[in-house]
Amino acid sequence: MEKLKANCGLKIKFTHFPLHPETPLEGRRLTDRYSAQEIAARNSRMKALMDEEGLPYNSERTMSYNSRLAQELAKWAESKGKEDEIHDAIFRAYFVDTENIGEPEALVEIAKTIGLAADEATDVLLSRSFKEAVDADWRRCDAFRVTAVPTFLAGRYMLIGAHPYEDLEKLVQRAS
């Protein structure tokens, strides 16, 4: 995304998506949702895409976690001018360090890594003060018929799934 922002002069706006909101706090094994072959294929594809862009990715991840509270924390961090930092930190925690991003304690630690106050992060998570902002994002996803993440929307064009940089660049060019 950084390369796309720099090369195309874009401002990226993150919209949060209800990816498996039924996932319990303790998470769910990927094998409960996908076959071993599907997991291997997805991990291989993601690893290749991440390697191509020089991004870390742990292809040994075995769990999926509920991201709702992470989304609420991200909305708060965005209000503090830390949008890129929080998304990068949550990505790393989930896809590299395989942390449970549904647990408030883990999220407070993530907030601290980007210079946000632990007590404020705790309050945001306990009070659910950014719940409505995330609900609005979920409604926006529904209105645009978003069914998977990532989904990239540029103008009236949409690209669904993880794609190489060149595909994203073509999407932006098509929309301009």
N, C-alpha and C. Protein backbone atom coordinates (compact mmCIF):
# COMPACT_ATOMS: atom_id res chain seq x y z
N MET A 1 0.82 -1.19 0.00
CA MET A 1 0.00 0.00 0.00
C MET A 1 0.87 1.26 0.00
N GLU A 2 1.99 1.19 0.72
CA GLU A 2 2.87 2.36 0.77
C GLU A 2 3.39 2.70 -0.62
N LYS A 3 3.77 1.68 -1.37
CA LYS A 3 4.28 1.88 -2.72
C LYS A 3 3.20 2.49 -3.61
N LEU A 4 1.99 2.01 -3.49
CA LEU A 4 0.87 2.52 -4.28
C LEU A 4 0.58 3.98 -3.91
N LYS A 5 0.60 4.28 -2.62
CA LYS A 5 0.37 5.66 -2.18
C LYS A 5 1.44 6.59 -2.75
N ALA A 6 2.68 6.16 -2.68
CA ALA A 6 3.79 7.00 -3.15
C ALA A 6 3.76 7.18 -4.67
N ASN A 7 3.57 6.09 -5.40
CA ASN A 7 3.64 6.14 -6.86
C ASN A 7 2.42 6.76 -7.52
N CYS A 8 1.27 6.67 -6.88
CA CYS A 8 0.03 7.15 -7.49
C CYS A 8 -0.56 8.36 -6.78
N GLY A 9 0.10 8.82 -5.72
CA GLY A 9 -0.40 9.98 -4.99
C GLY A 9 -1.76 9.76 -4.36
N LEU A 10 -1.96 8.59 -3.79
CA LEU A 10 -3.26 8.24 -3.22
C LEU A 10 -3.33 8.48 -1.73
N LYS A 11 -4.55 8.68 -1.27
CA LYS A 11 -4.84 8.62 0.16
C LYS A 11 -5.66 7.35 0.34
N ILE A 12 -5.20 6.49 1.21
CA ILE A 12 -5.87 5.22 1.45
C ILE A 12 -6.82 5.38 2.64
N LYS A 13 -8.06 4.94 2.46
CA LYS A 13 -9.03 4.94 3.56
C LYS A 13 -9.40 3.49 3.85
N PHE A 14 -9.16 3.08 5.08
CA PHE A 14 -9.51 1.73 5.49
C PHE A 14 -10.97 1.69 5.91
N THR A 15 -11.68 0.69 5.44
CA THR A 15 -13.04 0.43 5.88
C THR A 15 -13.05 -0.97 6.46
N HIS A 16 -13.54 -1.10 7.67
CA HIS A 16 -13.49 -2.39 8.36
C HIS A 16 -14.63 -3.29 7.90
N PHE A 17 -14.33 -4.58 7.80
CA PHE A 17 -15.23 -5.59 7.25
C PHE A 17 -15.52 -6.66 8.29
N PRO A 18 -16.77 -7.14 8.36
CA PRO A 18 -17.11 -8.17 9.35
C PRO A 18 -16.66 -9.57 8.91
N LEU A 19 -15.38 -9.82 9.00
CA LEU A 19 -14.84 -11.12 8.61
C LEU A 19 -15.07 -12.13 9.73
N HIS A 20 -15.99 -13.04 9.51
CA HIS A 20 -16.33 -14.09 10.47
C HIS A 20 -16.57 -13.52 11.88
N PRO A 21 -17.57 -12.65 12.02
CA PRO A 21 -17.82 -12.06 13.34
C PRO A 21 -18.29 -13.08 14.38
N GLU A 22 -18.65 -14.25 13.93
CA GLU A 22 -19.09 -15.31 14.86
C GLU A 22 -17.93 -16.02 15.54
N THR A 23 -16.71 -15.72 15.13
CA THR A 23 -15.54 -16.36 15.72
C THR A 23 -15.47 -16.05 17.21
N PRO A 24 -15.33 -17.07 18.06
CA PRO A 24 -15.29 -16.82 19.51
C PRO A 24 -14.00 -16.12 19.93
N LEU A 25 -14.00 -15.56 21.12
CA LEU A 25 -12.85 -14.83 21.64
C LEU A 25 -11.57 -15.65 21.59
N GLU A 26 -11.66 -16.92 21.93
CA GLU A 26 -10.46 -17.77 21.95
C GLU A 26 -9.97 -18.14 20.55
N GLY A 27 -10.75 -17.77 19.53
CA GLY A 27 -10.35 -18.05 18.16
C GLY A 27 -10.89 -19.37 17.66
N ARG A 28 -10.55 -19.67 16.43
CA ARG A 28 -10.99 -20.91 15.80
C ARG A 28 -9.84 -21.44 14.94
N ARG A 29 -9.65 -22.73 15.01
CA ARG A 29 -8.61 -23.35 14.19
C ARG A 29 -8.97 -23.19 12.71
N LEU A 30 -7.99 -22.87 11.89
CA LEU A 30 -8.24 -22.73 10.46
C LEU A 30 -8.80 -24.02 9.87
N THR A 31 -8.38 -25.16 10.42
CA THR A 31 -8.87 -26.45 9.92
C THR A 31 -10.35 -26.67 10.22
N ASP A 32 -10.95 -25.87 11.09
CA ASP A 32 -12.39 -25.95 11.32
C ASP A 32 -13.17 -25.32 10.16
N ARG A 33 -12.50 -24.49 9.39
CA ARG A 33 -13.16 -23.75 8.31
C ARG A 33 -12.68 -24.19 6.93
N TYR A 34 -11.42 -24.62 6.84
CA TYR A 34 -10.84 -24.96 5.53
C TYR A 34 -10.15 -26.31 5.59
N SER A 35 -10.02 -26.93 4.42
CA SER A 35 -9.27 -28.19 4.36
C SER A 35 -7.78 -27.89 4.46
N ALA A 36 -7.01 -28.90 4.79
CA ALA A 36 -5.55 -28.73 4.88
C ALA A 36 -4.98 -28.25 3.54
N GLN A 37 -5.53 -28.76 2.44
CA GLN A 37 -5.07 -28.35 1.11
C GLN A 37 -5.38 -26.88 0.85
N GLU A 38 -6.58 -26.42 1.24
CA GLU A 38 -6.94 -25.01 1.06
C GLU A 38 -6.03 -24.11 1.88
N ILE A 39 -5.75 -24.51 3.10
CA ILE A 39 -4.87 -23.72 3.97
C ILE A 39 -3.48 -23.63 3.36
N ALA A 40 -2.95 -24.75 2.90
CA ALA A 40 -1.62 -24.76 2.29
C ALA A 40 -1.58 -23.87 1.05
N ALA A 41 -2.60 -23.96 0.22
CA ALA A 41 -2.64 -23.15 -1.01
C ALA A 41 -2.75 -21.66 -0.68
N ARG A 42 -3.60 -21.30 0.26
CA ARG A 42 -3.75 -19.90 0.66
C ARG A 42 -2.45 -19.36 1.25
N ASN A 43 -1.85 -20.14 2.14
CA ASN A 43 -0.60 -19.70 2.77
C ASN A 43 0.52 -19.55 1.75
N SER A 44 0.59 -20.47 0.82
CA SER A 44 1.62 -20.41 -0.22
C SER A 44 1.44 -19.15 -1.07
N ARG A 45 0.21 -18.88 -1.47
CA ARG A 45 -0.07 -17.70 -2.29
C ARG A 45 0.23 -16.41 -1.51
N MET A 46 -0.24 -16.35 -0.26
CA MET A 46 0.01 -15.16 0.55
C MET A 46 1.50 -14.96 0.80
N LYS A 47 2.20 -16.02 1.10
CA LYS A 47 3.64 -15.93 1.36
C LYS A 47 4.36 -15.40 0.12
N ALA A 48 3.99 -15.90 -1.05
CA ALA A 48 4.63 -15.44 -2.30
C ALA A 48 4.34 -13.95 -2.53
N LEU A 49 3.10 -13.54 -2.34
CA LEU A 49 2.75 -12.12 -2.53
C LEU A 49 3.48 -11.24 -1.52
N MET A 50 3.55 -11.67 -0.29
CA MET A 50 4.22 -10.88 0.75
C MET A 50 5.73 -10.81 0.49
N ASP A 51 6.31 -11.93 0.11
CA ASP A 51 7.74 -11.94 -0.20
C ASP A 51 8.05 -11.00 -1.36
N GLU A 52 7.18 -11.00 -2.36
CA GLU A 52 7.37 -10.14 -3.53
C GLU A 52 7.41 -8.66 -3.13
N GLU A 53 6.64 -8.30 -2.11
CA GLU A 53 6.59 -6.91 -1.66
C GLU A 53 7.51 -6.64 -0.47
N GLY A 54 8.27 -7.66 -0.05
CA GLY A 54 9.18 -7.49 1.07
C GLY A 54 8.49 -7.38 2.41
N LEU A 55 7.31 -7.99 2.53
CA LEU A 55 6.54 -7.92 3.77
C LEU A 55 6.61 -9.26 4.50
N PRO A 56 6.63 -9.22 5.82
CA PRO A 56 6.68 -10.47 6.59
C PRO A 56 5.33 -11.19 6.57
N TYR A 57 5.37 -12.51 6.67
CA TYR A 57 4.15 -13.32 6.73
C TYR A 57 4.52 -14.66 7.33
N ASN A 58 3.76 -15.10 8.31
CA ASN A 58 4.00 -16.38 8.96
C ASN A 58 3.05 -17.41 8.37
N SER A 59 3.56 -18.25 7.50
CA SER A 59 2.71 -19.24 6.83
C SER A 59 2.39 -20.44 7.72
N GLU A 60 2.85 -20.41 8.96
CA GLU A 60 2.55 -21.49 9.91
C GLU A 60 1.36 -21.15 10.80
N ARG A 61 0.70 -20.05 10.53
CA ARG A 61 -0.47 -19.63 11.32
C ARG A 61 -1.54 -20.71 11.26
N THR A 62 -2.10 -21.07 12.42
CA THR A 62 -3.10 -22.14 12.49
C THR A 62 -4.45 -21.68 13.02
N MET A 63 -4.52 -20.43 13.50
CA MET A 63 -5.75 -19.94 14.13
C MET A 63 -6.27 -18.69 13.42
N SER A 64 -7.58 -18.52 13.54
CA SER A 64 -8.25 -17.31 13.09
C SER A 64 -8.89 -16.68 14.32
N TYR A 65 -8.81 -15.35 14.43
CA TYR A 65 -9.34 -14.69 15.61
C TYR A 65 -10.38 -13.64 15.23
N ASN A 66 -11.25 -13.34 16.16
CA ASN A 66 -12.27 -12.33 15.95
C ASN A 66 -11.61 -10.95 15.95
N SER A 67 -11.82 -10.20 14.88
CA SER A 67 -11.13 -8.92 14.72
C SER A 67 -11.98 -7.71 15.12
N ARG A 68 -13.16 -7.93 15.66
CA ARG A 68 -14.06 -6.81 15.97
C ARG A 68 -13.42 -5.78 16.89
N LEU A 69 -12.87 -6.20 18.02
CA LEU A 69 -12.26 -5.23 18.94
C LEU A 69 -11.02 -4.58 18.32
N ALA A 70 -10.29 -5.32 17.50
CA ALA A 70 -9.14 -4.73 16.81
C ALA A 70 -9.60 -3.62 15.87
N GLN A 71 -10.75 -3.81 15.24
CA GLN A 71 -11.30 -2.78 14.37
C GLN A 71 -11.70 -1.54 15.17
N GLU A 72 -12.28 -1.75 16.34
CA GLU A 72 -12.66 -0.62 17.18
C GLU A 72 -11.41 0.13 17.67
N LEU A 73 -10.39 -0.62 18.03
CA LEU A 73 -9.12 0.01 18.43
C LEU A 73 -8.54 0.81 17.27
N ALA A 74 -8.61 0.24 16.07
CA ALA A 74 -8.08 0.92 14.88
C ALA A 74 -8.82 2.22 14.62
N LYS A 75 -10.13 2.22 14.78
CA LYS A 75 -10.90 3.46 14.59
C LYS A 75 -10.44 4.54 15.57
N TRP A 76 -10.19 4.14 16.81
CA TRP A 76 -9.69 5.09 17.80
C TRP A 76 -8.31 5.60 17.41
N ALA A 77 -7.43 4.69 17.02
CA ALA A 77 -6.07 5.08 16.62
C ALA A 77 -6.12 6.02 15.42
N GLU A 78 -7.03 5.76 14.49
CA GLU A 78 -7.20 6.66 13.34
C GLU A 78 -7.55 8.06 13.82
N SER A 79 -8.40 8.16 14.84
CA SER A 79 -8.79 9.47 15.36
C SER A 79 -7.62 10.20 16.02
N LYS A 80 -6.57 9.46 16.34
CA LYS A 80 -5.36 10.02 16.94
C LYS A 80 -4.26 10.24 15.89
N GLY A 81 -4.60 10.07 14.61
CA GLY A 81 -3.62 10.26 13.54
C GLY A 81 -2.66 9.10 13.36
N LYS A 82 -3.04 7.92 13.82
CA LYS A 82 -2.15 6.76 13.77
C LYS A 82 -2.73 5.65 12.89
N GLU A 83 -3.42 6.03 11.82
CA GLU A 83 -4.09 5.05 10.96
C GLU A 83 -3.12 4.03 10.37
N ASP A 84 -2.09 4.49 9.70
CA ASP A 84 -1.14 3.56 9.09
C ASP A 84 -0.44 2.71 10.13
N GLU A 85 -0.03 3.35 11.22
CA GLU A 85 0.71 2.64 12.27
C GLU A 85 -0.11 1.52 12.90
N ILE A 86 -1.40 1.79 13.19
CA ILE A 86 -2.21 0.76 13.84
C ILE A 86 -2.49 -0.39 12.89
N HIS A 87 -2.76 -0.08 11.64
CA HIS A 87 -3.03 -1.17 10.69
C HIS A 87 -1.79 -2.03 10.49
N ASP A 88 -0.63 -1.40 10.40
CA ASP A 88 0.62 -2.17 10.29
C ASP A 88 0.85 -3.02 11.53
N ALA A 89 0.61 -2.45 12.70
CA ALA A 89 0.85 -3.18 13.96
C ALA A 89 -0.11 -4.35 14.13
N ILE A 90 -1.37 -4.14 13.79
CA ILE A 90 -2.35 -5.24 13.89
C ILE A 90 -2.02 -6.32 12.86
N PHE A 91 -1.66 -5.91 11.66
CA PHE A 91 -1.26 -6.87 10.63
C PHE A 91 -0.11 -7.74 11.13
N ARG A 92 0.92 -7.09 11.67
CA ARG A 92 2.08 -7.83 12.17
C ARG A 92 1.68 -8.77 13.31
N ALA A 93 0.89 -8.27 14.23
CA ALA A 93 0.47 -9.11 15.36
C ALA A 93 -0.28 -10.34 14.89
N TYR A 94 -1.14 -10.17 13.92
CA TYR A 94 -1.99 -11.27 13.45
C TYR A 94 -1.26 -12.20 12.48
N PHE A 95 -0.69 -11.62 11.43
CA PHE A 95 -0.13 -12.44 10.34
C PHE A 95 1.32 -12.85 10.53
N VAL A 96 2.03 -12.22 11.44
CA VAL A 96 3.43 -12.56 11.66
C VAL A 96 3.62 -13.20 13.03
N ASP A 97 3.13 -12.52 14.06
CA ASP A 97 3.33 -13.00 15.43
C ASP A 97 2.22 -13.95 15.90
N THR A 98 1.20 -14.14 15.08
CA THR A 98 0.04 -15.02 15.34
C THR A 98 -0.62 -14.76 16.69
N GLU A 99 -0.72 -13.50 17.06
CA GLU A 99 -1.38 -13.12 18.32
C GLU A 99 -2.89 -13.15 18.17
N ASN A 100 -3.58 -13.35 19.27
CA ASN A 100 -5.03 -13.31 19.30
C ASN A 100 -5.46 -11.84 19.38
N ILE A 101 -5.82 -11.27 18.24
CA ILE A 101 -6.20 -9.85 18.20
C ILE A 101 -7.63 -9.62 18.66
N GLY A 102 -8.26 -10.64 19.21
CA GLY A 102 -9.57 -10.49 19.82
C GLY A 102 -9.49 -10.21 21.31
N GLU A 103 -8.31 -10.42 21.88
CA GLU A 103 -8.12 -10.23 23.32
C GLU A 103 -7.74 -8.78 23.63
N PRO A 104 -8.49 -8.13 24.50
CA PRO A 104 -8.19 -6.74 24.83
C PRO A 104 -6.76 -6.52 25.31
N GLU A 105 -6.22 -7.44 26.10
CA GLU A 105 -4.85 -7.28 26.61
C GLU A 105 -3.84 -7.22 25.46
N ALA A 106 -4.01 -8.07 24.48
CA ALA A 106 -3.11 -8.07 23.31
C ALA A 106 -3.25 -6.76 22.55
N LEU A 107 -4.47 -6.26 22.43
CA LEU A 107 -4.69 -5.02 21.69
C LEU A 107 -4.09 -3.82 22.41
N VAL A 108 -4.15 -3.81 23.72
CA VAL A 108 -3.53 -2.72 24.49
C VAL A 108 -2.02 -2.73 24.24
N GLU A 109 -1.42 -3.90 24.23
CA GLU A 109 0.02 -4.00 23.95
C GLU A 109 0.34 -3.50 22.54
N ILE A 110 -0.51 -3.82 21.59
CA ILE A 110 -0.32 -3.34 20.21
C ILE A 110 -0.39 -1.82 20.19
N ALA A 111 -1.37 -1.24 20.88
CA ALA A 111 -1.50 0.22 20.93
C ALA A 111 -0.24 0.86 21.50
N LYS A 112 0.30 0.24 22.55
CA LYS A 112 1.51 0.79 23.17
C LYS A 112 2.69 0.79 22.20
N THR A 113 2.77 -0.22 21.31
CA THR A 113 3.91 -0.29 20.38
C THR A 113 3.94 0.87 19.40
N ILE A 114 2.79 1.53 19.21
CA ILE A 114 2.77 2.67 18.28
C ILE A 114 2.63 4.00 19.02
N GLY A 115 2.90 3.96 20.33
CA GLY A 115 2.94 5.19 21.10
C GLY A 115 1.61 5.69 21.64
N LEU A 116 0.60 4.83 21.65
CA LEU A 116 -0.68 5.22 22.23
C LEU A 116 -0.74 4.80 23.69
N ALA A 117 -1.47 5.54 24.48
CA ALA A 117 -1.53 5.31 25.93
C ALA A 117 -2.34 4.05 26.25
N ALA A 118 -1.75 3.19 27.08
CA ALA A 118 -2.40 1.94 27.46
C ALA A 118 -3.72 2.17 28.17
N ASP A 119 -3.77 3.17 29.06
CA ASP A 119 -5.01 3.41 29.80
C ASP A 119 -6.13 3.89 28.88
N GLU A 120 -5.79 4.71 27.90
CA GLU A 120 -6.80 5.16 26.93
C GLU A 120 -7.26 4.01 26.06
N ALA A 121 -6.34 3.17 25.61
CA ALA A 121 -6.69 2.01 24.79
C ALA A 121 -7.61 1.08 25.56
N THR A 122 -7.30 0.85 26.83
CA THR A 122 -8.14 0.00 27.67
C THR A 122 -9.54 0.58 27.78
N ASP A 123 -9.62 1.88 28.01
CA ASP A 123 -10.93 2.53 28.13
C ASP A 123 -11.73 2.40 26.84
N VAL A 124 -11.08 2.60 25.69
CA VAL A 124 -11.76 2.49 24.40
C VAL A 124 -12.32 1.08 24.22
N LEU A 125 -11.53 0.08 24.57
CA LEU A 125 -11.96 -1.31 24.39
C LEU A 125 -13.07 -1.70 25.36
N LEU A 126 -12.97 -1.25 26.60
CA LEU A 126 -13.99 -1.60 27.60
C LEU A 126 -15.30 -0.84 27.38
N SER A 127 -15.19 0.42 26.98
CA SER A 127 -16.39 1.24 26.79
C SER A 127 -17.05 0.99 25.44
N ARG A 128 -16.29 0.39 24.52
CA ARG A 128 -16.77 0.14 23.16
C ARG A 128 -17.18 1.46 22.49
N SER A 129 -16.44 2.53 22.77
CA SER A 129 -16.80 3.86 22.29
C SER A 129 -16.67 4.03 20.77
N PHE A 130 -16.02 3.10 20.09
CA PHE A 130 -15.91 3.18 18.64
C PHE A 130 -16.73 2.09 17.94
N LYS A 131 -17.63 1.47 18.70
CA LYS A 131 -18.50 0.42 18.16
C LYS A 131 -19.34 0.94 17.00
N GLU A 132 -19.96 2.10 17.17
CA GLU A 132 -20.83 2.65 16.13
C GLU A 132 -20.03 2.99 14.87
N ALA A 133 -18.81 3.46 15.02
CA ALA A 133 -17.98 3.77 13.85
C ALA A 133 -17.69 2.50 13.04
N VAL A 134 -17.43 1.40 13.74
CA VAL A 134 -17.18 0.13 13.05
C VAL A 134 -18.48 -0.39 12.45
N ASP A 135 -19.59 -0.25 13.17
CA ASP A 135 -20.89 -0.65 12.61
C ASP A 135 -21.15 0.09 11.29
N ALA A 136 -20.81 1.37 11.24
CA ALA A 136 -21.00 2.16 10.02
C ALA A 136 -20.14 1.60 8.89
N ASP A 137 -18.91 1.20 9.20
CA ASP A 137 -18.06 0.58 8.18
C ASP A 137 -18.69 -0.71 7.67
N TRP A 138 -19.20 -1.51 8.59
CA TRP A 138 -19.82 -2.78 8.20
C TRP A 138 -21.02 -2.53 7.28
N ARG A 139 -21.81 -1.50 7.58
CA ARG A 139 -22.94 -1.15 6.71
C ARG A 139 -22.45 -0.69 5.34
N ARG A 140 -21.35 0.04 5.33
CA ARG A 140 -20.79 0.50 4.05
C ARG A 140 -20.35 -0.70 3.21
N CYS A 141 -19.72 -1.66 3.84
CA CYS A 141 -19.32 -2.88 3.13
C CYS A 141 -20.53 -3.59 2.55
N ASP A 142 -21.59 -3.66 3.32
CA ASP A 142 -22.82 -4.28 2.85
C ASP A 142 -23.39 -3.51 1.66
N ALA A 143 -23.40 -2.19 1.74
CA ALA A 143 -23.93 -1.36 0.66
C ALA A 143 -23.15 -1.54 -0.63
N PHE A 144 -21.84 -1.74 -0.52
CA PHE A 144 -21.00 -1.95 -1.71
C PHE A 144 -20.89 -3.42 -2.09
N ARG A 145 -21.59 -4.27 -1.35
CA ARG A 145 -21.60 -5.72 -1.59
C ARG A 145 -20.20 -6.34 -1.49
N VAL A 146 -19.43 -5.85 -0.54
CA VAL A 146 -18.11 -6.42 -0.27
C VAL A 146 -18.32 -7.77 0.41
N THR A 147 -17.65 -8.79 -0.10
CA THR A 147 -17.83 -10.14 0.44
C THR A 147 -16.53 -10.77 0.94
N ALA A 148 -15.41 -10.10 0.76
CA ALA A 148 -14.13 -10.68 1.16
C ALA A 148 -13.12 -9.58 1.43
N VAL A 149 -12.05 -9.95 2.12
CA VAL A 149 -10.96 -9.02 2.35
C VAL A 149 -9.67 -9.62 1.80
N PRO A 150 -8.80 -8.77 1.31
CA PRO A 150 -9.02 -7.35 1.11
C PRO A 150 -9.89 -7.10 -0.12
N THR A 151 -10.61 -6.00 -0.11
CA THR A 151 -11.32 -5.50 -1.29
C THR A 151 -10.84 -4.08 -1.50
N PHE A 152 -10.44 -3.80 -2.71
CA PHE A 152 -9.93 -2.48 -3.06
C PHE A 152 -10.97 -1.79 -3.93
N LEU A 153 -11.35 -0.59 -3.55
CA LEU A 153 -12.35 0.17 -4.27
C LEU A 153 -11.70 1.47 -4.72
N ALA A 154 -11.74 1.70 -6.02
CA ALA A 154 -11.20 2.94 -6.59
C ALA A 154 -12.24 3.46 -7.58
N GLY A 155 -12.84 4.59 -7.24
CA GLY A 155 -13.93 5.09 -8.07
C GLY A 155 -15.06 4.08 -8.08
N ARG A 156 -15.45 3.65 -9.26
CA ARG A 156 -16.53 2.65 -9.35
C ARG A 156 -16.00 1.25 -9.62
N TYR A 157 -14.70 1.07 -9.50
CA TYR A 157 -14.08 -0.23 -9.78
C TYR A 157 -13.64 -0.90 -8.48
N MET A 158 -13.73 -2.23 -8.49
CA MET A 158 -13.43 -3.01 -7.30
C MET A 158 -12.52 -4.17 -7.67
N LEU A 159 -11.60 -4.48 -6.77
CA LEU A 159 -10.71 -5.62 -6.93
C LEU A 159 -10.75 -6.39 -5.61
N ILE A 160 -11.08 -7.67 -5.70
CA ILE A 160 -11.28 -8.48 -4.50
C ILE A 160 -10.14 -9.48 -4.34
N GLY A 161 -9.63 -9.56 -3.12
CA GLY A 161 -8.59 -10.53 -2.79
C GLY A 161 -7.20 -9.93 -2.82
N ALA A 162 -6.24 -10.73 -2.38
CA ALA A 162 -4.84 -10.30 -2.38
C ALA A 162 -4.32 -10.37 -3.81
N HIS A 163 -3.75 -9.28 -4.28
CA HIS A 163 -3.26 -9.20 -5.66
C HIS A 163 -1.87 -8.59 -5.68
N PRO A 164 -1.13 -8.87 -6.75
CA PRO A 164 0.18 -8.23 -6.90
C PRO A 164 0.03 -6.72 -7.10
N TYR A 165 1.09 -6.01 -6.82
CA TYR A 165 1.10 -4.55 -6.93
C TYR A 165 0.60 -4.07 -8.29
N GLU A 166 1.01 -4.73 -9.35
CA GLU A 166 0.65 -4.31 -10.71
C GLU A 166 -0.87 -4.28 -10.91
N ASP A 167 -1.57 -5.24 -10.32
CA ASP A 167 -3.03 -5.26 -10.44
C ASP A 167 -3.65 -4.06 -9.72
N LEU A 168 -3.11 -3.71 -8.58
CA LEU A 168 -3.62 -2.55 -7.84
C LEU A 168 -3.36 -1.26 -8.61
N GLU A 169 -2.18 -1.18 -9.21
CA GLU A 169 -1.84 0.00 -10.00
C GLU A 169 -2.80 0.14 -11.20
N LYS A 170 -3.13 -0.97 -11.84
CA LYS A 170 -4.08 -0.95 -12.96
C LYS A 170 -5.46 -0.51 -12.50
N LEU A 171 -5.87 -0.94 -11.32
CA LEU A 171 -7.16 -0.53 -10.76
C LEU A 171 -7.20 0.99 -10.59
N VAL A 172 -6.15 1.55 -10.04
CA VAL A 172 -6.08 3.00 -9.83
C VAL A 172 -6.09 3.73 -11.17
N GLN A 173 -5.33 3.24 -12.14
CA GLN A 173 -5.29 3.87 -13.46
C GLN A 173 -6.66 3.83 -14.13
N ARG A 174 -7.33 2.71 -14.00
CA ARG A 174 -8.65 2.55 -14.60
C ARG A 174 -9.65 3.53 -13.98
N ALA A 175 -9.52 3.76 -12.69
CA ALA A 175 -10.46 4.64 -11.99
C ALA A 175 -10.20 6.12 -12.25
N SER A 176 -8.98 6.46 -12.71
CA SER A 176 -8.69 7.89 -12.88
C SER A 176 -9.04 8.41 -14.25
